Amino acid sequence: MYRKYWDEKVKAYAKASVLGTDLKKYAVAEAYLQAEAEVKALKAKGLVATGKPVLAPKVDSVDTKRKVPLGSLTDCTDVSRWTLVKKSNGQEVSLPQDRLTKYVTKVVAEKWYGSWVIVRVTPENQTC
């Protein structure tokens, strides 16, 4: 489900819109609102993303005894092959040289109505 969340996020970034994606199927609450805000910011700047990130998620814990089952993941997210370009002409946008392109991401998922959904995605300022 985490990879499906990213598949849909990549689709949204590729066209600077969540419309026509299944992002709402895999992301809720803070995770959905964050992704939607990021996509709106891209659109406002006339940008889209090409390529896709490389993921390496690992399950940290799962608690199915709770009323709402809870899981946590840690991912090593590599965005070095996910490039921002100007939508109008496909020209690559230069980004700061010192930005992290491979970083730790903490993820919280919950089981809602029988399906796991991503609730929170927190990129850490830490390389992996």
Foldseek 3Di string as FASTA:
>chain_A
DVVLLQVQLLVCLQPLHSPPGVNVVAADAPRVVVSNVVSPVCVVVQKGKDDGKDKDKDWDDWDPPDPKIKTKIKIFIAQPRIFIARNVPRHTDDDDPPQARTFIKIWMWTQDPNRIHTYDIGTDSGHD
